[in-house]
Amino acid sequence: MLMDDCSGILLATPILLPIIKAIGVDPVQFAAILCVNLGMGNITPPTAPMLYLSGRICGAQVREMLPYAMICIFCAWIPTLILTMYVPQISLFLPSLL
């Protein structure tokens, strides 16, 4: 993505929320899915601002860090996204306690 998480939330929510409500998805679950997707967009190529920032901080090239980032994406982010999308109890557990 070419924007950070806050900008993505401010742009995507008003556009997608009526559609999400129309198909019957809980808005809190939609927010969790949106946050996981935007977070994953910050570390995946081609733009990957967090990957470039961490490379600059630690003095490594992005091509050196990319295999480790891909392992992180495939082992952590994608299963988290799938669980967030298809098991609504995970993203709705804490709000249901309120």
PDB file of N, CA and C in Angstrom:
ATOM      1  N   MET A   1       0.836  -1.177   0.000  1.00  0.00           N
ATOM      2  CA  MET A   1       0.000   0.000   0.000  1.00  0.00           C
ATOM      3  C   MET A   1       0.877   1.236   0.000  1.00  0.00           C
ATOM      4  N   LEU A   2       0.322   2.311  -0.449  1.00  0.00           N
ATOM      5  CA  LEU A   2       1.051   3.569  -0.496  1.00  0.00           C
ATOM      6  C   LEU A   2       0.658   4.503   0.633  1.00  0.00           C
ATOM      7  N   MET A   3       0.007   3.970   1.663  1.00  0.00           N
ATOM      8  CA  MET A   3      -0.410   4.800   2.787  1.00  0.00           C
ATOM      9  C   MET A   3      -0.268   4.005   4.076  1.00  0.00           C
ATOM     10  N   ASP A   4      -0.304   4.715   5.186  1.00  0.00           N
ATOM     11  CA  ASP A   4      -0.201   4.033   6.463  1.00  0.00           C
ATOM     12  C   ASP A   4      -1.565   3.510   6.904  1.00  0.00           C
ATOM     13  N   ASP A   5      -1.587   2.863   8.055  1.00  0.00           N
ATOM     14  CA  ASP A   5      -2.811   2.232   8.534  1.00  0.00           C
ATOM     15  C   ASP A   5      -3.935   3.231   8.801  1.00  0.00           C
ATOM     16  N   CYS A   6      -3.604   4.341   9.432  1.00  0.00           N
ATOM     17  CA  CYS A   6      -4.640   5.323   9.784  1.00  0.00           C
ATOM     18  C   CYS A   6      -5.321   5.887   8.546  1.00  0.00           C
ATOM     19  N   SER A   7      -4.549   6.206   7.534  1.00  0.00           N
ATOM     20  CA  SER A   7      -5.132   6.728   6.295  1.00  0.00           C
ATOM     21  C   SER A   7      -5.977   5.669   5.608  1.00  0.00           C
ATOM     22  N   GLY A   8      -5.511   4.437   5.620  1.00  0.00           N
ATOM     23  CA  GLY A   8      -6.270   3.351   5.008  1.00  0.00           C
ATOM     24  C   GLY A   8      -7.595   3.118   5.699  1.00  0.00           C
ATOM     25  N   ILE A   9      -7.594   3.191   7.024  1.00  0.00           N
ATOM     26  CA  ILE A   9      -8.840   3.022   7.771  1.00  0.00           C
ATOM     27  C   ILE A   9      -9.796   4.162   7.471  1.00  0.00           C
ATOM     28  N   LEU A  10      -9.281   5.395   7.453  1.00  0.00           N
ATOM     29  CA  LEU A  10     -10.144   6.549   7.190  1.00  0.00           C
ATOM     30  C   LEU A  10     -10.719   6.540   5.778  1.00  0.00           C
ATOM     31  N   LEU A  11      -9.991   5.975   4.825  1.00  0.00           N
ATOM     32  CA  LEU A  11     -10.489   5.919   3.455  1.00  0.00           C
ATOM     33  C   LEU A  11     -11.384   4.712   3.198  1.00  0.00           C
ATOM     34  N   ALA A  12     -11.035   3.563   3.733  1.00  0.00           N
ATOM     35  CA  ALA A  12     -11.760   2.337   3.406  1.00  0.00           C
ATOM     36  C   ALA A  12     -13.052   2.165   4.196  1.00  0.00           C
ATOM     37  N   THR A  13     -13.078   2.616   5.428  1.00  0.00           N
ATOM     38  CA  THR A  13     -14.245   2.370   6.273  1.00  0.00           C
ATOM     39  C   THR A  13     -15.526   3.007   5.743  1.00  0.00           C
ATOM     40  N   PRO A  14     -15.565   4.293   5.399  1.00  0.00           N
ATOM     41  CA  PRO A  14     -16.828   4.850   4.902  1.00  0.00           C
ATOM     42  C   PRO A  14     -17.290   4.227   3.584  1.00  0.00           C
ATOM     43  N   ILE A  15     -16.351   3.752   2.793  1.00  0.00           N
ATOM     44  CA  ILE A  15     -16.716   3.155   1.511  1.00  0.00           C
ATOM     45  C   ILE A  15     -17.239   1.737   1.702  1.00  0.00           C
ATOM     46  N   LEU A  16     -16.563   0.954   2.534  1.00  0.00           N
ATOM     47  CA  LEU A  16     -16.887  -0.463   2.651  1.00  0.00           C
ATOM     48  C   LEU A  16     -17.899  -0.798   3.739  1.00  0.00           C
ATOM     49  N   LEU A  17     -18.073   0.054   4.743  1.00  0.00           N
ATOM     50  CA  LEU A  17     -18.960  -0.272   5.853  1.00  0.00           C
ATOM     51  C   LEU A  17     -20.415  -0.497   5.436  1.00  0.00           C
ATOM     52  N   PRO A  18     -21.016   0.306   4.555  1.00  0.00           N
ATOM     53  CA  PRO A  18     -22.388  -0.007   4.128  1.00  0.00           C
ATOM     54  C   PRO A  18     -22.504  -1.361   3.425  1.00  0.00           C
ATOM     55  N   ILE A  19     -21.497  -1.726   2.664  1.00  0.00           N
ATOM     56  CA  ILE A  19     -21.502  -3.025   1.989  1.00  0.00           C
ATOM     57  C   ILE A  19     -21.387  -4.141   3.013  1.00  0.00           C
ATOM     58  N   ILE A  20     -20.519  -3.969   3.979  1.00  0.00           N
ATOM     59  CA  ILE A  20     -20.322  -4.972   5.025  1.00  0.00           C
ATOM     60  C   ILE A  20     -21.595  -5.162   5.837  1.00  0.00           C
ATOM     61  N   LYS A  21     -22.263  -4.073   6.187  1.00  0.00           N
ATOM     62  CA  LYS A  21     -23.525  -4.176   6.926  1.00  0.00           C
ATOM     63  C   LYS A  21     -24.600  -4.853   6.090  1.00  0.00           C
ATOM     64  N   ALA A  22     -24.614  -4.575   4.781  1.00  0.00           N
ATOM     65  CA  ALA A  22     -25.630  -5.164   3.906  1.00  0.00           C
ATOM     66  C   ALA A  22     -25.481  -6.675   3.778  1.00  0.00           C
ATOM     67  N   ILE A  23     -24.255  -7.176   3.827  1.00  0.00           N
ATOM     68  CA  ILE A  23     -24.077  -8.624   3.709  1.00  0.00           C
ATOM     69  C   ILE A  23     -24.093  -9.321   5.065  1.00  0.00           C
ATOM     70  N   GLY A  24     -24.230  -8.572   6.150  1.00  0.00           N
ATOM     71  CA  GLY A  24     -24.427  -9.159   7.464  1.00  0.00           C
ATOM     72  C   GLY A  24     -23.180  -9.453   8.270  1.00  0.00           C
ATOM     73  N   VAL A  25     -22.077  -8.823   7.953  1.00  0.00           N
ATOM     74  CA  VAL A  25     -20.847  -9.007   8.725  1.00  0.00           C
ATOM     75  C   VAL A  25     -20.833  -7.990   9.863  1.00  0.00           C
ATOM     76  N   ASP A  26     -20.413  -8.433  11.026  1.00  0.00           N
ATOM     77  CA  ASP A  26     -20.333  -7.548  12.179  1.00  0.00           C
ATOM     78  C   ASP A  26     -19.294  -6.451  11.930  1.00  0.00           C
ATOM     79  N   PRO A  27     -19.611  -5.187  12.218  1.00  0.00           N
ATOM     80  CA  PRO A  27     -18.646  -4.102  11.991  1.00  0.00           C
ATOM     81  C   PRO A  27     -17.349  -4.245  12.791  1.00  0.00           C
ATOM     82  N   VAL A  28     -17.416  -4.847  13.976  1.00  0.00           N
ATOM     83  CA  VAL A  28     -16.197  -5.048  14.764  1.00  0.00           C
ATOM     84  C   VAL A  28     -15.300  -6.082  14.087  1.00  0.00           C
ATOM     85  N   GLN A  29     -15.903  -7.134  13.546  1.00  0.00           N
ATOM     86  CA  GLN A  29     -15.117  -8.127  12.820  1.00  0.00           C
ATOM     87  C   GLN A  29     -14.509  -7.510  11.561  1.00  0.00           C
ATOM     88  N   PHE A  30     -15.275  -6.668  10.891  1.00  0.00           N
ATOM     89  CA  PHE A  30     -14.742  -5.971   9.718  1.00  0.00           C
ATOM     90  C   PHE A  30     -13.553  -5.101  10.094  1.00  0.00           C
ATOM     91  N   ALA A  31     -13.637  -4.421  11.232  1.00  0.00           N
ATOM     92  CA  ALA A  31     -12.516  -3.587  11.679  1.00  0.00           C
ATOM     93  C   ALA A  31     -11.281  -4.433  11.960  1.00  0.00           C
ATOM     94  N   ALA A  32     -11.474  -5.607  12.550  1.00  0.00           N
ATOM     95  CA  ALA A  32     -10.335  -6.492  12.818  1.00  0.00           C
ATOM     96  C   ALA A  32      -9.714  -6.982  11.516  1.00  0.00           C
ATOM     97  N   ILE A  33     -10.542  -7.362  10.560  1.00  0.00           N
ATOM     98  CA  ILE A  33     -10.042  -7.823   9.259  1.00  0.00           C
ATOM     99  C   ILE A  33      -9.298  -6.692   8.554  1.00  0.00           C
ATOM    100  N   LEU A  34      -9.856  -5.499   8.593  1.00  0.00           N
ATOM    101  CA  LEU A  34      -9.227  -4.349   7.949  1.00  0.00           C
ATOM    102  C   LEU A  34      -7.869  -4.031   8.579  1.00  0.00           C
ATOM    103  N   CYS A  35      -7.791  -4.089   9.903  1.00  0.00           N
ATOM    104  CA  CYS A  35      -6.516  -3.794  10.572  1.00  0.00           C
ATOM    105  C   CYS A  35      -5.456  -4.840  10.260  1.00  0.00           C
ATOM    106  N   VAL A  36      -5.843  -6.113  10.217  1.00  0.00           N
ATOM    107  CA  VAL A  36      -4.873  -7.161   9.881  1.00  0.00           C
ATOM    108  C   VAL A  36      -4.403  -6.991   8.441  1.00  0.00           C
ATOM    109  N   ASN A  37      -5.333  -6.708   7.527  1.00  0.00           N
ATOM    110  CA  ASN A  37      -4.955  -6.508   6.122  1.00  0.00           C
ATOM    111  C   ASN A  37      -4.036  -5.305   5.947  1.00  0.00           C
ATOM    112  N   LEU A  38      -4.356  -4.204   6.587  1.00  0.00           N
ATOM    113  CA  LEU A  38      -3.515  -3.014   6.452  1.00  0.00           C
ATOM    114  C   LEU A  38      -2.147  -3.217   7.096  1.00  0.00           C
ATOM    115  N   GLY A  39      -2.110  -3.931   8.205  1.00  0.00           N
ATOM    116  CA  GLY A  39      -0.819  -4.242   8.817  1.00  0.00           C
ATOM    117  C   GLY A  39       0.033  -5.119   7.928  1.00  0.00           C
ATOM    118  N   MET A  40      -0.599  -6.083   7.274  1.00  0.00           N
ATOM    119  CA  MET A  40       0.139  -6.949   6.355  1.00  0.00           C
ATOM    120  C   MET A  40       0.593  -6.160   5.134  1.00  0.00           C
ATOM    121  N   GLY A  41      -0.178  -5.192   4.709  1.00  0.00           N
ATOM    122  CA  GLY A  41       0.212  -4.369   3.569  1.00  0.00           C
ATOM    123  C   GLY A  41       1.432  -3.506   3.838  1.00  0.00           C
ATOM    124  N   ASN A  42       1.686  -3.229   5.111  1.00  0.00           N
ATOM    125  CA  ASN A  42       2.856  -2.418   5.457  1.00  0.00           C
ATOM    126  C   ASN A  42       4.164  -3.190   5.425  1.00  0.00           C
ATOM    127  N   ILE A  43       4.102  -4.518   5.430  1.00  0.00           N
ATOM    128  CA  ILE A  43       5.352  -5.280   5.415  1.00  0.00           C
ATOM    129  C   ILE A  43       5.530  -6.104   4.151  1.00  0.00           C
ATOM    130  N   THR A  44       4.583  -6.032   3.219  1.00  0.00           N
ATOM    131  CA  THR A  44       4.717  -6.827   2.001  1.00  0.00           C
ATOM    132  C   THR A  44       5.177  -5.960   0.841  1.00  0.00           C
ATOM    133  N   PRO A  45       6.015  -6.525  -0.022  1.00  0.00           N
ATOM    134  CA  PRO A  45       6.432  -5.804  -1.227  1.00  0.00           C
ATOM    135  C   PRO A  45       5.246  -5.609  -2.163  1.00  0.00           C
ATOM    136  N   PRO A  46       5.241  -4.667  -3.061  1.00  0.00           N
ATOM    137  CA  PRO A  46       6.350  -3.893  -3.560  1.00  0.00           C
ATOM    138  C   PRO A  46       6.644  -2.625  -2.766  1.00  0.00           C
ATOM    139  N   THR A  47       5.694  -2.076  -2.026  1.00  0.00           N
ATOM    140  CA  THR A  47       6.011  -0.828  -1.333  1.00  0.00           C
ATOM    141  C   THR A  47       6.672  -1.076   0.013  1.00  0.00           C
ATOM    142  N   ALA A  48       6.081  -1.856   0.880  1.00  0.00           N
ATOM    143  CA  ALA A  48       6.639  -2.311   2.155  1.00  0.00           C
ATOM    144  C   ALA A  48       7.336  -1.222   2.964  1.00  0.00           C
ATOM    145  N   PRO A  49       6.618  -0.177   3.386  1.00  0.00           N
ATOM    146  CA  PRO A  49       7.301   0.897   4.115  1.00  0.00           C
ATOM    147  C   PRO A  49       7.942   0.432   5.420  1.00  0.00           C
ATOM    148  N   MET A  50       7.320  -0.496   6.129  1.00  0.00           N
ATOM    149  CA  MET A  50       7.914  -0.978   7.380  1.00  0.00           C
ATOM    150  C   MET A  50       9.157  -1.823   7.120  1.00  0.00           C
ATOM    151  N   LEU A  51       9.167  -2.547   6.019  1.00  0.00           N
ATOM    152  CA  LEU A  51      10.340  -3.345   5.661  1.00  0.00           C
ATOM    153  C   LEU A  51      11.519  -2.435   5.327  1.00  0.00           C
ATOM    154  N   TYR A  52      11.261  -1.385   4.564  1.00  0.00           N
ATOM    155  CA  TYR A  52      12.328  -0.429   4.246  1.00  0.00           C
ATOM    156  C   TYR A  52      12.798   0.322   5.490  1.00  0.00           C
ATOM    157  N   LEU A  53      11.877   0.694   6.360  1.00  0.00           N
ATOM    158  CA  LEU A  53      12.242   1.401   7.585  1.00  0.00           C
ATOM    159  C   LEU A  53      13.090   0.520   8.497  1.00  0.00           C
ATOM    160  N   SER A  54      12.691  -0.729   8.671  1.00  0.00           N
ATOM    161  CA  SER A  54      13.481  -1.618   9.530  1.00  0.00           C
ATOM    162  C   SER A  54      14.839  -1.918   8.912  1.00  0.00           C
ATOM    163  N   GLY A  55      14.905  -2.005   7.584  1.00  0.00           N
ATOM    164  CA  GLY A  55      16.194  -2.186   6.922  1.00  0.00           C
ATOM    165  C   GLY A  55      17.107  -0.995   7.117  1.00  0.00           C
ATOM    166  N   ARG A  56      16.532   0.190   7.080  1.00  0.00           N
ATOM    167  CA  ARG A  56      17.318   1.410   7.282  1.00  0.00           C
ATOM    168  C   ARG A  56      17.824   1.499   8.727  1.00  0.00           C
ATOM    169  N   ILE A  57      16.974   1.115   9.668  1.00  0.00           N
ATOM    170  CA  ILE A  57      17.366   1.193  11.079  1.00  0.00           C
ATOM    171  C   ILE A  57      18.482   0.203  11.400  1.00  0.00           C
ATOM    172  N   CYS A  58      18.347  -1.036  10.913  1.00  0.00           N
ATOM    173  CA  CYS A  58      19.354  -2.047  11.272  1.00  0.00           C
ATOM    174  C   CYS A  58      20.504  -2.117  10.277  1.00  0.00           C
ATOM    175  N   GLY A  59      20.458  -1.354   9.211  1.00  0.00           N
ATOM    176  CA  GLY A  59      21.553  -1.308   8.254  1.00  0.00           C
ATOM    177  C   GLY A  59      21.601  -2.484   7.296  1.00  0.00           C
ATOM    178  N   ALA A  60      20.468  -3.131   7.060  1.00  0.00           N
ATOM    179  CA  ALA A  60      20.421  -4.281   6.151  1.00  0.00           C
ATOM    180  C   ALA A  60      19.707  -3.893   4.866  1.00  0.00           C
ATOM    181  N   GLN A  61      20.016  -4.598   3.806  1.00  0.00           N
ATOM    182  CA  GLN A  61      19.318  -4.403   2.538  1.00  0.00           C
ATOM    183  C   GLN A  61      17.971  -5.129   2.595  1.00  0.00           C
ATOM    184  N   VAL A  62      17.002  -4.622   1.854  1.00  0.00           N
ATOM    185  CA  VAL A  62      15.680  -5.236   1.840  1.00  0.00           C
ATOM    186  C   VAL A  62      15.757  -6.646   1.272  1.00  0.00           C
ATOM    187  N   ARG A  63      16.579  -6.868   0.279  1.00  0.00           N
ATOM    188  CA  ARG A  63      16.671  -8.208  -0.306  1.00  0.00           C
ATOM    189  C   ARG A  63      17.252  -9.220   0.677  1.00  0.00           C
ATOM    190  N   GLU A  64      18.011  -8.760   1.676  1.00  0.00           N
ATOM    191  CA  GLU A  64      18.491  -9.651   2.727  1.00  0.00           C
ATOM    192  C   GLU A  64      17.382 -10.000   3.712  1.00  0.00           C
ATOM    193  N   MET A  65      16.491  -9.053   3.962  1.00  0.00           N
ATOM    194  CA  MET A  65      15.431  -9.249   4.942  1.00  0.00           C
ATOM    195  C   MET A  65      14.192  -9.898   4.354  1.00  0.00           C
ATOM    196  N   LEU A  66      14.032  -9.855   3.050  1.00  0.00           N
ATOM    197  CA  LEU A  66      12.808 -10.322   2.411  1.00  0.00           C
ATOM    198  C   LEU A  66      12.485 -11.786   2.678  1.00  0.00           C
ATOM    199  N   PRO A  67      13.440 -12.727   2.618  1.00  0.00           N
ATOM    200  CA  PRO A  67      13.065 -14.119   2.923  1.00  0.00           C
ATOM    201  C   PRO A  67      12.502 -14.287   4.333  1.00  0.00           C
ATOM    202  N   TYR A  68      13.077 -13.582   5.306  1.00  0.00           N
ATOM    203  CA  TYR A  68      12.577 -13.666   6.676  1.00  0.00           C
ATOM    204  C   TYR A  68      11.199 -13.012   6.801  1.00  0.00           C
ATOM    205  N   ALA A  69      10.991 -11.939   6.078  1.00  0.00           N
ATOM    206  CA  ALA A  69       9.680 -11.288   6.088  1.00  0.00           C
ATOM    207  C   ALA A  69       8.627 -12.188   5.460  1.00  0.00           C
ATOM    208  N   MET A  70       8.990 -12.899   4.401  1.00  0.00           N
ATOM    209  CA  MET A  70       8.032 -13.799   3.759  1.00  0.00           C
ATOM    210  C   MET A  70       7.681 -14.979   4.662  1.00  0.00           C
ATOM    211  N   ILE A  71       8.665 -15.473   5.412  1.00  0.00           N
ATOM    212  CA  ILE A  71       8.374 -16.537   6.381  1.00  0.00           C
ATOM    213  C   ILE A  71       7.395 -16.023   7.431  1.00  0.00           C
ATOM    214  N   CYS A  72       7.612 -14.804   7.888  1.00  0.00           N
ATOM    215  CA  CYS A  72       6.705 -14.182   8.857  1.00  0.00           C
ATOM    216  C   CYS A  72       5.304 -14.033   8.280  1.00  0.00           C
ATOM    217  N   ILE A  73       5.223 -13.623   7.028  1.00  0.00           N
ATOM    218  CA  ILE A  73       3.925 -13.430   6.389  1.00  0.00           C
ATOM    219  C   ILE A  73       3.189 -14.750   6.256  1.00  0.00           C
ATOM    220  N   PHE A  74       3.878 -15.778   5.758  1.00  0.00           N
ATOM    221  CA  PHE A  74       3.214 -17.053   5.518  1.00  0.00           C
ATOM    222  C   PHE A  74       2.913 -17.822   6.798  1.00  0.00           C
ATOM    223  N   CYS A  75       3.735 -17.658   7.819  1.00  0.00           N
ATOM    224  CA  CYS A  75       3.529 -18.414   9.056  1.00  0.00           C
ATOM    225  C   CYS A  75       2.677 -17.681  10.089  1.00  0.00           C
ATOM    226  N   ALA A  76       2.627 -16.368  10.029  1.00  0.00           N
ATOM    227  CA  ALA A  76       1.912 -15.619  11.060  1.00  0.00           C
ATOM    228  C   ALA A  76       0.761 -14.780  10.520  1.00  0.00           C
ATOM    229  N   TRP A  77       1.010 -13.953   9.511  1.00  0.00           N
ATOM    230  CA  TRP A  77      -0.011 -13.006   9.071  1.00  0.00           C
ATOM    231  C   TRP A  77      -1.162 -13.675   8.331  1.00  0.00           C
ATOM    232  N   ILE A  78      -0.854 -14.561   7.402  1.00  0.00           N
ATOM    233  CA  ILE A  78      -1.927 -15.177   6.614  1.00  0.00           C
ATOM    234  C   ILE A  78      -2.816 -16.072   7.476  1.00  0.00           C
ATOM    235  N   PRO A  79      -2.268 -16.943   8.359  1.00  0.00           N
ATOM    236  CA  PRO A  79      -3.174 -17.681   9.250  1.00  0.00           C
ATOM    237  C   PRO A  79      -3.995 -16.773  10.163  1.00  0.00           C
ATOM    238  N   THR A  80      -3.397 -15.685  10.635  1.00  0.00           N
ATOM    239  CA  THR A  80      -4.145 -14.738  11.462  1.00  0.00           C
ATOM    240  C   THR A  80      -5.281 -14.107  10.678  1.00  0.00           C
ATOM    241  N   LEU A  81      -5.019 -13.744   9.443  1.00  0.00           N
ATOM    242  CA  LEU A  81      -6.060 -13.159   8.601  1.00  0.00           C
ATOM    243  C   LEU A  81      -7.179 -14.157   8.338  1.00  0.00           C
ATOM    244  N   ILE A  82      -6.824 -15.394   8.035  1.00  0.00           N
ATOM    245  CA  ILE A  82      -7.838 -16.416   7.768  1.00  0.00           C
ATOM    246  C   ILE A  82      -8.679 -16.678   9.014  1.00  0.00           C
ATOM    247  N   LEU A  83      -8.033 -16.801  10.172  1.00  0.00           N
ATOM    248  CA  LEU A  83      -8.788 -17.015  11.406  1.00  0.00           C
ATOM    249  C   LEU A  83      -9.673 -15.823  11.744  1.00  0.00           C
ATOM    250  N   THR A  84      -9.189 -14.622  11.511  1.00  0.00           N
ATOM    251  CA  THR A  84      -9.988 -13.427  11.785  1.00  0.00           C
ATOM    252  C   THR A  84     -11.208 -13.363  10.878  1.00  0.00           C
ATOM    253  N   MET A  85     -11.043 -13.793   9.635  1.00  0.00           N
ATOM    254  CA  MET A  85     -12.159 -13.725   8.692  1.00  0.00           C
ATOM    255  C   MET A  85     -13.196 -14.815   8.939  1.00  0.00           C
ATOM    256  N   TYR A  86     -12.754 -16.030   9.210  1.00  0.00           N
ATOM    257  CA  TYR A  86     -13.682 -17.154   9.230  1.00  0.00           C
ATOM    258  C   TYR A  86     -14.091 -17.621  10.619  1.00  0.00           C
ATOM    259  N   VAL A  87     -13.477 -17.103  11.661  1.00  0.00           N
ATOM    260  CA  VAL A  87     -13.875 -17.434  13.030  1.00  0.00           C
ATOM    261  C   VAL A  87     -14.183 -16.121  13.744  1.00  0.00           C
ATOM    262  N   PRO A  88     -15.410 -15.638  13.636  1.00  0.00           N
ATOM    263  CA  PRO A  88     -15.728 -14.322  14.198  1.00  0.00           C
ATOM    264  C   PRO A  88     -15.608 -14.262  15.719  1.00  0.00           C
ATOM    265  N   GLN A  89     -15.666 -15.407  16.399  1.00  0.00           N
ATOM    266  CA  GLN A  89     -15.549 -15.394  17.857  1.00  0.00           C
ATOM    267  C   GLN A  89     -14.190 -14.866  18.314  1.00  0.00           C
ATOM    268  N   ILE A  90     -13.166 -15.023  17.488  1.00  0.00           N
ATOM    269  CA  ILE A  90     -11.831 -14.533  17.859  1.00  0.00           C
ATOM    270  C   ILE A  90     -11.820 -13.010  17.934  1.00  0.00           C
ATOM    271  N   SER A  91     -12.346 -12.368  16.910  1.00  0.00           N
ATOM    272  CA  SER A  91     -12.317 -10.904  16.892  1.00  0.00           C
ATOM    273  C   SER A  91     -13.431 -10.283  17.726  1.00  0.00           C
ATOM    274  N   LEU A  92     -14.436 -11.063  18.089  1.00  0.00           N
ATOM    275  CA  LEU A  92     -15.551 -10.517  18.861  1.00  0.00           C
ATOM    276  C   LEU A  92     -15.509 -10.914  20.335  1.00  0.00           C
ATOM    277  N   PHE A  93     -14.462 -11.625  20.754  1.00  0.00           N
ATOM    278  CA  PHE A  93     -14.401 -12.096  22.141  1.00  0.00           C
ATOM    279  C   PHE A  93     -14.335 -10.942  23.139  1.00  0.00           C
ATOM    280  N   LEU A  94     -13.359 -10.066  22.997  1.00  0.00           N
ATOM    281  CA  LEU A  94     -13.225  -8.955  23.950  1.00  0.00           C
ATOM    282  C   LEU A  94     -14.398  -7.979  23.899  1.00  0.00           C
ATOM    283  N   PRO A  95     -14.898  -7.585  22.714  1.00  0.00           N
ATOM    284  CA  PRO A  95     -16.067  -6.697  22.716  1.00  0.00           C
ATOM    285  C   PRO A  95     -17.310  -7.336  23.332  1.00  0.00           C
ATOM    286  N   SER A  96     -17.425  -8.663  23.258  1.00  0.00           N
ATOM    287  CA  SER A  96     -18.595  -9.310  23.857  1.00  0.00           C
ATOM    288  C   SER A  96     -18.542  -9.281  25.383  1.00  0.00           C
ATOM    289  N   LEU A  97     -17.370  -9.076  25.956  1.00  0.00           N
ATOM    290  CA  LEU A  97     -17.258  -8.989  27.413  1.00  0.00           C
ATOM    291  C   LEU A  97     -17.719  -7.643  27.956  1.00  0.00           C
ATOM    292  N   LEU A  98     -17.795  -6.637  27.102  1.00  0.00           N
ATOM    293  CA  LEU A  98     -18.206  -5.301  27.561  1.00  0.00           C
ATOM    294  C   LEU A  98     -19.684  -5.218  27.815  1.00  0.00           C
TER     295      LEU A  98
END
